C-alpha atoms as a PDB file:
ATOM      1  CA  UNK A   1     105.945  90.851 124.669  1.00  0.00           C
ATOM      2  CA  UNK A   2     107.422  87.056 124.553  1.00  0.00           C
ATOM      3  CA  UNK A   3     107.947  86.005 120.298  1.00  0.00           C
ATOM      4  CA  UNK A   4     106.599  82.681 121.818  1.00  0.00           C
ATOM      5  CA  UNK A   5     102.900  83.952 122.041  1.00  0.00           C
ATOM      6  CA  UNK A   6     102.558  84.897 118.593  1.00  0.00           C
ATOM      7  CA  UNK A   7      99.745  84.166 116.944  1.00  0.00           C
ATOM      8  CA  UNK A   8     100.718  83.021 113.776  1.00  0.00           C
ATOM      9  CA  UNK A   9     104.149  81.937 112.729  1.00  0.00           C
ATOM     10  CA  UNK A  10     105.980  83.248 110.250  1.00  0.00           C
ATOM     11  CA  UNK A  11     106.790  81.595 106.853  1.00  0.00           C
ATOM     12  CA  UNK A  12     110.195  80.969 108.101  1.00  0.00           C
ATOM     13  CA  UNK A  13     109.356  78.892 111.082  1.00  0.00           C
ATOM     14  CA  UNK A  14     107.421  76.613 109.099  1.00  0.00           C
ATOM     15  CA  UNK A  15     109.752  75.773 106.199  1.00  0.00           C
ATOM     16  CA  UNK A  16     112.116  75.149 109.801  1.00  0.00           C
ATOM     17  CA  UNK A  17     109.857  73.292 111.063  1.00  0.00           C
ATOM     18  CA  UNK A  18     109.415  71.559 107.061  1.00  0.00           C
ATOM     19  CA  UNK A  19     113.262  70.471 107.623  1.00  0.00           C
ATOM     20  CA  UNK A  20     113.929  69.668 111.386  1.00  0.00           C
ATOM     21  CA  UNK A  21     111.354  66.916 110.268  1.00  0.00           C
ATOM     22  CA  UNK A  22     112.959  66.008 107.684  1.00  0.00           C
ATOM     23  CA  UNK A  23     116.295  65.316 109.140  1.00  0.00           C
ATOM     24  CA  UNK A  24     114.390  63.564 112.121  1.00  0.00           C
ATOM     25  CA  UNK A  25     114.122  66.278 115.187  1.00  0.00           C
ATOM     26  CA  UNK A  26     111.629  65.813 117.431  1.00  0.00           C
ATOM     27  CA  UNK A  27     108.971  67.945 118.160  1.00  0.00           C
ATOM     28  CA  UNK A  28     110.490  69.010 121.030  1.00  0.00           C
ATOM     29  CA  UNK A  29     114.441  69.766 119.065  1.00  0.00           C
ATOM     30  CA  UNK A  30     111.998  71.805 116.560  1.00  0.00           C
ATOM     31  CA  UNK A  31     110.165  74.108 119.166  1.00  0.00           C
ATOM     32  CA  UNK A  32     113.530  74.492 121.436  1.00  0.00           C
ATOM     33  CA  UNK A  33     115.337  75.315 118.161  1.00  0.00           C
ATOM     34  CA  UNK A  34     112.468  78.156 117.564  1.00  0.00           C
ATOM     35  CA  UNK A  35     111.885  79.024 120.865  1.00  0.00           C
ATOM     36  CA  UNK A  36     108.474  78.103 120.481  1.00  0.00           C
ATOM     37  CA  UNK A  37     106.063  75.630 123.218  1.00  0.00           C
ATOM     38  CA  UNK A  38     106.127  72.053 121.546  1.00  0.00           C
ATOM     39  CA  UNK A  39     102.334  72.529 121.150  1.00  0.00           C
ATOM     40  CA  UNK A  40     102.866  75.008 118.714  1.00  0.00           C
ATOM     41  CA  UNK A  41     105.169  72.861 116.846  1.00  0.00           C
ATOM     42  CA  UNK A  42     102.476  70.347 116.818  1.00  0.00           C
ATOM     43  CA  UNK A  43      99.492  72.096 115.635  1.00  0.00           C
ATOM     44  CA  UNK A  44     101.658  73.717 112.961  1.00  0.00           C
ATOM     45  CA  UNK A  45     101.766  69.689 111.925  1.00  0.00           C
ATOM     46  CA  UNK A  46      98.864  68.475 112.390  1.00  0.00           C
ATOM     47  CA  UNK A  47      96.271  70.957 111.436  1.00  0.00           C
END
């Protein structure tokens, strides 16, 4: 199964998202770095 379709993000991915945001990265760039869809990143931030 493709890792992009897992239901939950590992804690490390959440830390990586936070670090990306702190560095001013776009959601698209963070998603590329993590190998995830940008909507997944958006949901983690805005929910």
